[in-house]
Amino acid sequence: MKTKVITLMVAIALLFGYTSCNAKAENNSAEKPTESVSKAEKATTMLTKEMFLEKVWDYENSPQEWKYKGDKPALIDFYADWCGPCRTAAPILEEVAGEFAEEVIVYKIDTQVERELAAVFGVKSIPAFLYIPMEGKPTMASGIARTKEDTKKMFTQNINNILLKKQQSNEAL
């Protein structure tokens, strides 16, 4: 039964073209990239717990009430250096972050370093992306599309639809 469920989950992931890694991996040193994902970022900002509490949400003082502290919408990438899909998404997200730099803040949280932050949002597979609009609750999405173009399109559509509340025409979809 367990094998059937896993097979079904893999089939669904392949069908929809999204890939992700199990966020519970502890020590995958053999799978570490030659260059850390976090070293390549320029338009994104790494978040520690302290920075998260200051800039995003102070869940320690108001755990029952979501109160976004930012001055523009945000996208948070929960990732790990050993995760292949995370390494694939990083340069694409960096490109998108540069394109939306005036309108959206893009943060990154290393789930291996900031385990508590990943736990607060129930991150179980990575990459996971938290879209935080100025008003209302955040929305979590995980995985990336098969191609760079589709992944970039996914980020752009989610930023426009969830964060900026812009509805794209059917031609753009």
C-alpha atoms as a PDB file:
ATOM      1  CA  MET A   1       0.000   0.000   0.000  1.00  0.00           C
ATOM      2  CA  LYS A   2       2.787   2.423   0.935  1.00  0.00           C
ATOM      3  CA  THR A   3       4.556   1.678  -2.368  1.00  0.00           C
ATOM      4  CA  LYS A   4       1.353   2.402  -4.311  1.00  0.00           C
ATOM      5  CA  VAL A   5       0.944   5.770  -2.562  1.00  0.00           C
ATOM      6  CA  ILE A   6       4.550   6.742  -3.277  1.00  0.00           C
ATOM      7  CA  THR A   7       4.225   5.632  -6.899  1.00  0.00           C
ATOM      8  CA  LEU A   8       1.040   7.670  -7.249  1.00  0.00           C
ATOM      9  CA  MET A   9       2.713  10.753  -5.755  1.00  0.00           C
ATOM     10  CA  VAL A  10       5.667  10.439  -8.140  1.00  0.00           C
ATOM     11  CA  ALA A  11       3.317   9.960 -11.095  1.00  0.00           C
ATOM     12  CA  ILE A  12       1.359  13.081 -10.135  1.00  0.00           C
ATOM     13  CA  ALA A  13       4.568  15.089  -9.782  1.00  0.00           C
ATOM     14  CA  LEU A  14       5.758  13.922 -13.188  1.00  0.00           C
ATOM     15  CA  LEU A  15       2.365  14.533 -14.729  1.00  0.00           C
ATOM     16  CA  PHE A  16       2.320  18.130 -13.560  1.00  0.00           C
ATOM     17  CA  GLY A  17       6.013  18.558 -14.310  1.00  0.00           C
ATOM     18  CA  TYR A  18       7.086  19.711 -10.864  1.00  0.00           C
ATOM     19  CA  THR A  19      10.057  18.458  -8.925  1.00  0.00           C
ATOM     20  CA  SER A  20      11.104  18.914  -5.331  1.00  0.00           C
ATOM     21  CA  CYS A  21      13.375  17.402  -2.688  1.00  0.00           C
ATOM     22  CA  ASN A  22      12.549  15.936   0.698  1.00  0.00           C
ATOM     23  CA  ALA A  23      13.360  18.693   3.193  1.00  0.00           C
ATOM     24  CA  LYS A  24      14.321  16.218   5.916  1.00  0.00           C
ATOM     25  CA  ALA A  25      17.620  15.131   4.369  1.00  0.00           C
ATOM     26  CA  GLU A  26      20.285  15.610   6.999  1.00  0.00           C
ATOM     27  CA  ASN A  27      23.712  15.107   5.516  1.00  0.00           C
ATOM     28  CA  ASN A  28      23.975  14.773   1.785  1.00  0.00           C
ATOM     29  CA  SER A  29      27.569  15.917   1.444  1.00  0.00           C
ATOM     30  CA  ALA A  30      28.037  13.775  -1.669  1.00  0.00           C
ATOM     31  CA  GLU A  31      25.294  15.779  -3.365  1.00  0.00           C
ATOM     32  CA  LYS A  32      26.603  19.216  -2.387  1.00  0.00           C
ATOM     33  CA  PRO A  33      27.079  21.523  -5.353  1.00  0.00           C
ATOM     34  CA  THR A  34      30.521  22.834  -6.138  1.00  0.00           C
ATOM     35  CA  GLU A  35      29.210  26.350  -5.507  1.00  0.00           C
ATOM     36  CA  SER A  36      26.652  27.161  -2.839  1.00  0.00           C
ATOM     37  CA  VAL A  37      23.249  28.373  -4.015  1.00  0.00           C
ATOM     38  CA  SER A  38      23.455  31.250  -1.558  1.00  0.00           C
ATOM     39  CA  LYS A  39      26.726  32.594  -3.029  1.00  0.00           C
ATOM     40  CA  ALA A  40      25.161  33.338  -6.417  1.00  0.00           C
ATOM     41  CA  GLU A  41      22.381  35.642  -5.201  1.00  0.00           C
ATOM     42  CA  LYS A  42      22.419  39.372  -5.797  1.00  0.00           C
ATOM     43  CA  ALA A  43      18.779  40.444  -6.128  1.00  0.00           C
ATOM     44  CA  THR A  44      17.690  38.172  -3.285  1.00  0.00           C
ATOM     45  CA  THR A  45      18.329  38.528   0.441  1.00  0.00           C
ATOM     46  CA  MET A  46      19.222  35.705   2.819  1.00  0.00           C
ATOM     47  CA  LEU A  47      17.043  35.632   5.932  1.00  0.00           C
ATOM     48  CA  THR A  48      18.011  34.489   9.398  1.00  0.00           C
ATOM     49  CA  LYS A  49      15.425  33.942  12.106  1.00  0.00           C
ATOM     50  CA  GLU A  50      16.263  37.322  13.647  1.00  0.00           C
ATOM     51  CA  MET A  51      15.829  39.116  10.305  1.00  0.00           C
ATOM     52  CA  PHE A  52      12.606  37.211   9.631  1.00  0.00           C
ATOM     53  CA  LEU A  53      11.151  38.306  12.984  1.00  0.00           C
ATOM     54  CA  GLU A  54      12.113  41.922  12.236  1.00  0.00           C
ATOM     55  CA  LYS A  55      11.206  42.183   8.533  1.00  0.00           C
ATOM     56  CA  VAL A  56       8.494  39.609   7.875  1.00  0.00           C
ATOM     57  CA  TRP A  57       6.481  38.352  10.850  1.00  0.00           C
ATOM     58  CA  ASP A  58       7.153  38.243  14.595  1.00  0.00           C
ATOM     59  CA  TYR A  59       5.531  34.868  15.220  1.00  0.00           C
ATOM     60  CA  GLU A  60       7.033  34.707  18.707  1.00  0.00           C
ATOM     61  CA  ASN A  61       5.021  37.720  19.926  1.00  0.00           C
ATOM     62  CA  SER A  62       1.906  37.183  17.805  1.00  0.00           C
ATOM     63  CA  PRO A  63       1.807  33.464  16.927  1.00  0.00           C
ATOM     64  CA  GLN A  64      -1.941  33.350  16.297  1.00  0.00           C
ATOM     65  CA  GLU A  65      -2.147  36.431  14.063  1.00  0.00           C
ATOM     66  CA  TRP A  66      -0.357  36.930  10.765  1.00  0.00           C
ATOM     67  CA  LYS A  67       0.997  40.506  10.623  1.00  0.00           C
ATOM     68  CA  TYR A  68       3.289  41.160   7.664  1.00  0.00           C
ATOM     69  CA  LYS A  69       5.889  43.815   8.477  1.00  0.00           C
ATOM     70  CA  GLY A  70       7.206  44.524   4.982  1.00  0.00           C
ATOM     71  CA  ASP A  71       6.657  47.627   2.874  1.00  0.00           C
ATOM     72  CA  LYS A  72       6.144  45.678  -0.359  1.00  0.00           C
ATOM     73  CA  PRO A  73       5.040  42.129  -1.187  1.00  0.00           C
ATOM     74  CA  ALA A  74       7.579  39.360  -0.681  1.00  0.00           C
ATOM     75  CA  LEU A  75       8.500  35.948  -2.004  1.00  0.00           C
ATOM     76  CA  ILE A  76      10.461  33.598   0.242  1.00  0.00           C
ATOM     77  CA  ASP A  77      12.404  30.686  -1.248  1.00  0.00           C
ATOM     78  CA  PHE A  78      12.904  27.824   1.240  1.00  0.00           C
ATOM     79  CA  TYR A  79      15.863  25.846  -0.124  1.00  0.00           C
ATOM     80  CA  ALA A  80      18.923  23.730   0.728  1.00  0.00           C
ATOM     81  CA  ASP A  81      22.292  23.646  -1.032  1.00  0.00           C
ATOM     82  CA  TRP A  82      22.120  19.868  -1.569  1.00  0.00           C
ATOM     83  CA  CYS A  83      18.726  20.023  -3.336  1.00  0.00           C
ATOM     84  CA  GLY A  84      18.954  19.668  -7.135  1.00  0.00           C
ATOM     85  CA  PRO A  85      15.642  21.412  -7.930  1.00  0.00           C
ATOM     86  CA  CYS A  86      16.663  24.223  -5.542  1.00  0.00           C
ATOM     87  CA  ARG A  87      19.911  24.694  -7.467  1.00  0.00           C
ATOM     88  CA  THR A  88      17.920  24.720 -10.712  1.00  0.00           C
ATOM     89  CA  ALA A  89      15.452  27.304  -9.381  1.00  0.00           C
ATOM     90  CA  ALA A  90      18.081  29.640  -7.858  1.00  0.00           C
ATOM     91  CA  PRO A  91      19.326  31.412 -11.019  1.00  0.00           C
ATOM     92  CA  ILE A  92      15.791  31.600 -12.437  1.00  0.00           C
ATOM     93  CA  LEU A  93      14.482  33.140  -9.224  1.00  0.00           C
ATOM     94  CA  GLU A  94      17.456  35.509  -9.189  1.00  0.00           C
ATOM     95  CA  GLU A  95      16.535  36.676 -12.702  1.00  0.00           C
ATOM     96  CA  VAL A  96      12.878  37.136 -11.758  1.00  0.00           C
ATOM     97  CA  ALA A  97      13.871  38.943  -8.548  1.00  0.00           C
ATOM     98  CA  GLY A  98      15.873  41.412 -10.623  1.00  0.00           C
ATOM     99  CA  GLU A  99      12.931  41.996 -12.962  1.00  0.00           C
ATOM    100  CA  PHE A 100      10.526  42.677 -10.065  1.00  0.00           C
ATOM    101  CA  ALA A 101      13.037  44.428  -7.758  1.00  0.00           C
ATOM    102  CA  GLU A 102      11.006  47.658  -7.604  1.00  0.00           C
ATOM    103  CA  GLU A 103       7.767  45.860  -6.714  1.00  0.00           C
ATOM    104  CA  VAL A 104       8.641  42.716  -4.727  1.00  0.00           C
ATOM    105  CA  ILE A 105      11.251  41.657  -2.160  1.00  0.00           C
ATOM    106  CA  VAL A 106      12.698  38.169  -2.691  1.00  0.00           C
ATOM    107  CA  TYR A 107      14.164  36.409   0.335  1.00  0.00           C
ATOM    108  CA  LYS A 108      15.886  33.048   0.698  1.00  0.00           C
ATOM    109  CA  ILE A 109      15.857  30.780   3.745  1.00  0.00           C
ATOM    110  CA  ASP A 110      18.311  27.888   3.978  1.00  0.00           C
ATOM    111  CA  THR A 111      16.212  25.133   5.571  1.00  0.00           C
ATOM    112  CA  GLN A 112      19.321  23.339   6.838  1.00  0.00           C
ATOM    113  CA  VAL A 113      20.377  26.434   8.802  1.00  0.00           C
ATOM    114  CA  GLU A 114      16.991  27.922   9.717  1.00  0.00           C
ATOM    115  CA  ARG A 115      15.083  24.754  10.607  1.00  0.00           C
ATOM    116  CA  GLU A 116      12.704  26.587  12.927  1.00  0.00           C
ATOM    117  CA  LEU A 117      11.530  28.901  10.138  1.00  0.00           C
ATOM    118  CA  ALA A 118      10.917  25.934   7.856  1.00  0.00           C
ATOM    119  CA  ALA A 119       8.949  24.242  10.651  1.00  0.00           C
ATOM    120  CA  VAL A 120       6.823  27.351  11.288  1.00  0.00           C
ATOM    121  CA  PHE A 121       5.508  27.066   7.720  1.00  0.00           C
ATOM    122  CA  GLY A 122       5.382  23.266   7.652  1.00  0.00           C
ATOM    123  CA  VAL A 123       7.940  22.988   4.854  1.00  0.00           C
ATOM    124  CA  LYS A 124       8.330  19.278   4.141  1.00  0.00           C
ATOM    125  CA  SER A 125       9.692  19.384   0.594  1.00  0.00           C
ATOM    126  CA  ILE A 126      11.875  21.925  -1.141  1.00  0.00           C
ATOM    127  CA  PRO A 127      12.080  24.133  -2.986  1.00  0.00           C
ATOM    128  CA  ALA A 128       9.063  25.742  -1.377  1.00  0.00           C
ATOM    129  CA  PHE A 129       7.971  29.290  -2.097  1.00  0.00           C
ATOM    130  CA  LEU A 130       5.980  31.509   0.241  1.00  0.00           C
ATOM    131  CA  TYR A 131       4.181  34.339  -1.563  1.00  0.00           C
ATOM    132  CA  ILE A 132       3.360  37.163   0.863  1.00  0.00           C
ATOM    133  CA  PRO A 133       0.958  39.850  -0.400  1.00  0.00           C
ATOM    134  CA  MET A 134       0.622  43.189   1.371  1.00  0.00           C
ATOM    135  CA  GLU A 135      -2.914  42.301   2.452  1.00  0.00           C
ATOM    136  CA  GLY A 136      -4.179  38.880   3.468  1.00  0.00           C
ATOM    137  CA  LYS A 137      -2.508  35.589   4.254  1.00  0.00           C
ATOM    138  CA  PRO A 138       0.570  34.178   2.524  1.00  0.00           C
ATOM    139  CA  THR A 139       0.329  31.367  -0.031  1.00  0.00           C
ATOM    140  CA  MET A 140       2.740  28.413  -0.145  1.00  0.00           C
ATOM    141  CA  ALA A 141       3.744  26.627  -3.355  1.00  0.00           C
ATOM    142  CA  SER A 142       6.398  23.967  -3.850  1.00  0.00           C
ATOM    143  CA  GLY A 143       8.404  22.432  -6.645  1.00  0.00           C
ATOM    144  CA  ILE A 144       9.518  23.796  -9.985  1.00  0.00           C
ATOM    145  CA  ALA A 145       8.446  23.152 -13.553  1.00  0.00           C
ATOM    146  CA  ARG A 146      10.385  20.958 -15.979  1.00  0.00           C
ATOM    147  CA  THR A 147      11.904  23.721 -18.063  1.00  0.00           C
ATOM    148  CA  LYS A 148      13.545  27.032 -17.252  1.00  0.00           C
ATOM    149  CA  GLU A 149      10.915  28.851 -19.306  1.00  0.00           C
ATOM    150  CA  ASP A 150       8.031  27.159 -17.476  1.00  0.00           C
ATOM    151  CA  THR A 151       9.635  27.780 -14.079  1.00  0.00           C
ATOM    152  CA  LYS A 152      10.157  31.469 -14.894  1.00  0.00           C
ATOM    153  CA  LYS A 153       6.562  31.662 -16.134  1.00  0.00           C
ATOM    154  CA  MET A 154       5.371  30.050 -12.880  1.00  0.00           C
ATOM    155  CA  PHE A 155       7.241  32.628 -10.748  1.00  0.00           C
ATOM    156  CA  THR A 156       6.060  35.533 -12.909  1.00  0.00           C
ATOM    157  CA  GLN A 157       2.422  34.435 -12.901  1.00  0.00           C
ATOM    158  CA  ASN A 158       2.419  33.853  -9.134  1.00  0.00           C
ATOM    159  CA  ILE A 159       4.051  37.223  -8.464  1.00  0.00           C
ATOM    160  CA  ASN A 160       1.577  39.006 -10.723  1.00  0.00           C
ATOM    161  CA  ASN A 161      -1.521  37.115  -9.552  1.00  0.00           C
ATOM    162  CA  ILE A 162      -0.814  36.579  -5.847  1.00  0.00           C
ATOM    163  CA  LEU A 163       1.477  39.436  -4.870  1.00  0.00           C
ATOM    164  CA  LEU A 164       0.664  42.254  -7.265  1.00  0.00           C
ATOM    165  CA  LYS A 165      -2.955  41.218  -7.906  1.00  0.00           C
ATOM    166  CA  LYS A 166      -2.509  41.717 -11.654  1.00  0.00           C
ATOM    167  CA  GLN A 167      -4.597  39.422 -13.813  1.00  0.00           C
ATOM    168  CA  GLN A 168      -2.738  38.398 -16.943  1.00  0.00           C
ATOM    169  CA  SER A 169      -4.550  38.055 -20.246  1.00  0.00           C
ATOM    170  CA  ASN A 170      -5.189  34.610 -21.646  1.00  0.00           C
ATOM    171  CA  GLU A 171      -2.625  35.298 -24.383  1.00  0.00           C
ATOM    172  CA  ALA A 172       0.156  35.584 -21.764  1.00  0.00           C
ATOM    173  CA  LEU A 173      -0.864  32.296 -20.169  1.00  0.00           C
END
